Amino acid sequence: MIAAGHSLGGAVATALAARRPEAVKGLVLLSSCEKIPPSDGTAERLLAALPGPLRRMVFLSMAKKVLFAPGAPADAVNLGMEDLRSCRPETMLKDMRAAKAMDLAEPAERLDVPTLILCGSRDKLTPPALSERLSGLIARSRLRIIEGAGHMLPLECPDRVNQE
């Protein structure tokens, strides 16, 4: 099988390929990395201090700016934000904690499968430098940076993703 994943889903695909090398014959990793750089936590503390409804509004506003490149197609942004608004806050919090806790450097170094890594040039969440580092860990990887795209590659430029 070919395992594919976007963002945290790319981490899941990487872990699957490392644990079941006989089953995974290829990988496609979109907007993924092996480890999120540490942050000082200022934004999280600020959000936590806000009342619930205001916290959600500020979070969604920040998410839109982080997830999508300026000029992303409006229908892509609307669809992505609709999905995000439908998520429970607990789910988003668990995803953020899982992303901060992951460290896939060692599993990525063990991989020996053809791997396509795609990243948007304007990705603020997992910027190109993180994709370059991931590509350097996976011996048989090929990195493609999609000019002008942000983190939400499947929504922002689905035709280009399919082409690659």
Protein backbone atom coordinates (compact mmCIF):
# COMPACT_ATOMS: atom_id res chain seq x y z
CA MET A 1 0.00 0.00 0.00
CA ILE A 2 0.95 3.63 -0.37
CA ALA A 3 0.32 5.57 2.84
CA ALA A 4 -0.49 9.24 2.55
CA GLY A 5 -1.17 11.89 5.15
CA HIS A 6 -1.56 15.61 5.56
CA SER A 7 -0.04 17.45 8.52
CA LEU A 8 -0.43 15.24 11.61
CA GLY A 9 -1.73 12.56 9.25
CA GLY A 10 1.72 12.57 7.65
CA ALA A 11 3.17 11.72 11.04
CA VAL A 12 0.74 8.81 11.28
CA ALA A 13 1.74 7.60 7.80
CA THR A 14 5.44 7.89 8.70
CA ALA A 15 4.95 5.93 11.93
CA LEU A 16 2.96 3.26 10.08
CA ALA A 17 5.70 2.86 7.47
CA ALA A 18 8.35 2.57 10.18
CA ARG A 19 6.35 -0.02 12.16
CA ARG A 20 5.12 -2.04 9.18
CA PRO A 21 7.82 -1.72 6.49
CA GLU A 22 6.58 -4.88 4.76
CA ALA A 23 3.14 -3.33 4.26
CA VAL A 24 4.02 0.20 3.13
CA LYS A 25 5.58 0.43 -0.33
CA GLY A 26 5.50 4.22 -0.63
CA LEU A 27 4.65 7.43 1.22
CA VAL A 28 3.11 10.76 0.32
CA LEU A 29 3.59 13.34 3.07
CA LEU A 30 1.82 16.69 2.70
CA SER A 31 2.72 19.61 4.97
CA SER A 32 4.41 17.24 7.41
CA CYS A 33 7.52 17.17 9.56
CA GLU A 34 9.30 14.88 11.96
CA LYS A 35 9.17 17.26 14.94
CA ILE A 36 7.51 20.61 15.64
CA PRO A 37 10.05 23.15 16.96
CA PRO A 38 9.40 24.15 20.58
CA SER A 39 7.53 27.40 21.21
CA ASP A 40 7.49 29.66 24.22
CA GLY A 41 3.76 29.03 24.75
CA THR A 42 2.81 32.72 24.77
CA ALA A 43 -0.07 32.29 22.32
CA GLU A 44 -1.46 29.33 24.26
CA ARG A 45 -1.33 31.23 27.55
CA LEU A 46 -3.02 34.22 25.94
CA LEU A 47 -5.79 32.06 24.51
CA ALA A 48 -6.29 30.25 27.81
CA ALA A 49 -6.81 33.58 29.59
CA LEU A 50 -9.69 34.61 27.30
CA PRO A 51 -13.34 33.79 28.03
CA GLY A 52 -14.64 30.75 26.07
CA PRO A 53 -16.52 32.43 23.18
CA LEU A 54 -13.80 35.04 22.66
CA ARG A 55 -11.12 32.32 22.87
CA ARG A 56 -12.82 30.39 20.07
CA MET A 57 -13.17 33.50 17.88
CA VAL A 58 -9.50 34.48 18.35
CA PHE A 59 -8.35 30.88 17.78
CA LEU A 60 -10.29 30.60 14.52
CA SER A 61 -8.96 33.94 13.32
CA MET A 62 -5.38 32.90 14.11
CA ALA A 63 -5.91 29.46 12.54
CA LYS A 64 -7.10 30.99 9.29
CA LYS A 65 -3.92 33.12 9.07
CA VAL A 66 -1.64 30.19 9.95
CA LEU A 67 -3.25 27.50 7.83
CA PHE A 68 -3.85 29.32 4.55
CA ALA A 69 -1.56 31.36 2.34
CA PRO A 70 -2.64 34.92 1.52
CA GLY A 71 -4.66 34.77 -1.66
CA ALA A 72 -5.76 31.16 -1.17
CA PRO A 73 -9.00 30.40 -3.05
CA ALA A 74 -11.98 31.58 -1.00
CA ASP A 75 -13.83 28.28 -1.44
CA ALA A 76 -10.82 26.40 -0.04
CA VAL A 77 -10.59 28.72 2.95
CA ASN A 78 -14.34 28.50 3.59
CA LEU A 79 -14.32 24.70 3.44
CA GLY A 80 -11.28 24.41 5.71
CA MET A 81 -12.66 26.86 8.25
CA GLU A 82 -16.06 25.16 8.22
CA ASP A 83 -14.35 21.86 9.08
CA LEU A 84 -12.33 23.54 11.82
CA ARG A 85 -15.41 25.19 13.31
CA SER A 86 -17.13 21.80 13.47
CA CYS A 87 -14.32 20.31 15.60
CA ARG A 88 -14.75 20.13 19.33
CA PRO A 89 -12.20 22.24 21.25
CA GLU A 90 -11.03 19.10 23.08
CA THR A 91 -10.22 17.44 19.76
CA MET A 92 -8.17 20.42 18.58
CA LEU A 93 -6.33 20.55 21.90
CA LYS A 94 -5.49 16.83 21.72
CA ASP A 95 -4.23 17.26 18.15
CA MET A 96 -2.00 20.17 19.18
CA ARG A 97 -0.60 18.19 22.12
CA ALA A 98 0.05 15.15 19.92
CA ALA A 99 1.86 17.32 17.37
CA LYS A 100 4.05 18.90 20.05
CA ALA A 101 4.90 15.51 21.57
CA MET A 102 5.82 13.73 18.35
CA ASP A 103 9.41 13.03 17.42
CA LEU A 104 9.73 10.91 14.29
CA ALA A 105 13.39 11.54 13.51
CA GLU A 106 14.52 8.00 14.33
CA PRO A 107 11.61 6.24 12.56
CA ALA A 108 12.04 8.50 9.51
CA GLU A 109 15.74 7.61 9.28
CA ARG A 110 14.85 3.90 9.15
CA LEU A 111 12.50 4.29 6.19
CA ASP A 112 13.48 2.73 2.90
CA VAL A 113 10.50 3.48 0.67
CA PRO A 114 9.95 5.98 -2.11
CA THR A 115 8.54 9.08 -0.42
CA LEU A 116 7.05 12.21 -1.92
CA ILE A 117 7.11 15.21 0.42
CA LEU A 118 5.02 18.24 -0.55
CA CYS A 119 5.09 21.59 1.22
CA GLY A 120 3.70 25.02 0.46
CA SER A 121 6.28 27.79 0.15
CA ARG A 122 4.09 29.93 2.45
CA ASP A 123 3.30 27.21 5.01
CA LYS A 124 3.55 28.85 8.44
CA LEU A 125 2.71 25.76 10.50
CA THR A 126 5.19 23.34 8.93
CA PRO A 127 7.41 25.64 6.86
CA PRO A 128 9.64 24.41 4.02
CA ALA A 129 12.68 24.16 6.32
CA LEU A 130 10.90 21.41 8.28
CA SER A 131 10.05 19.55 5.07
CA GLU A 132 13.67 19.87 3.97
CA ARG A 133 14.79 18.37 7.28
CA LEU A 134 12.29 15.52 6.91
CA SER A 135 13.47 14.89 3.36
CA GLY A 136 17.05 14.72 4.62
CA LEU A 137 16.07 11.96 7.05
CA ILE A 138 14.25 9.75 4.53
CA ALA A 139 16.80 8.27 2.13
CA ARG A 140 14.50 7.76 -0.86
CA SER A 141 12.49 10.97 -0.57
CA ARG A 142 11.73 13.61 -3.15
CA LEU A 143 10.77 17.08 -1.92
CA ARG A 144 8.54 19.43 -3.89
CA ILE A 145 7.81 22.95 -2.67
CA ILE A 146 4.59 24.33 -4.12
CA GLU A 147 5.05 28.05 -4.71
CA GLY A 148 2.50 30.32 -3.09
CA ALA A 149 0.65 27.60 -1.17
CA GLY A 150 0.14 27.44 2.57
CA HIS A 151 -0.37 24.53 4.96
CA MET A 152 -3.68 23.36 3.50
CA LEU A 153 -2.29 21.94 0.25
CA PRO A 154 -5.15 19.53 -0.48
CA LEU A 155 -7.63 22.42 -0.34
CA GLU A 156 -5.50 25.24 -1.75
CA CYS A 157 -4.07 23.44 -4.76
CA PRO A 158 -5.67 19.99 -5.20
CA ASP A 159 -4.79 19.77 -8.90
CA ARG A 160 -1.10 20.37 -8.19
CA VAL A 161 -1.12 17.85 -5.34
CA ASN A 162 -2.70 15.25 -7.65
CA GLN A 163 -0.24 16.08 -10.41
CA GLU A 164 2.75 15.48 -8.14
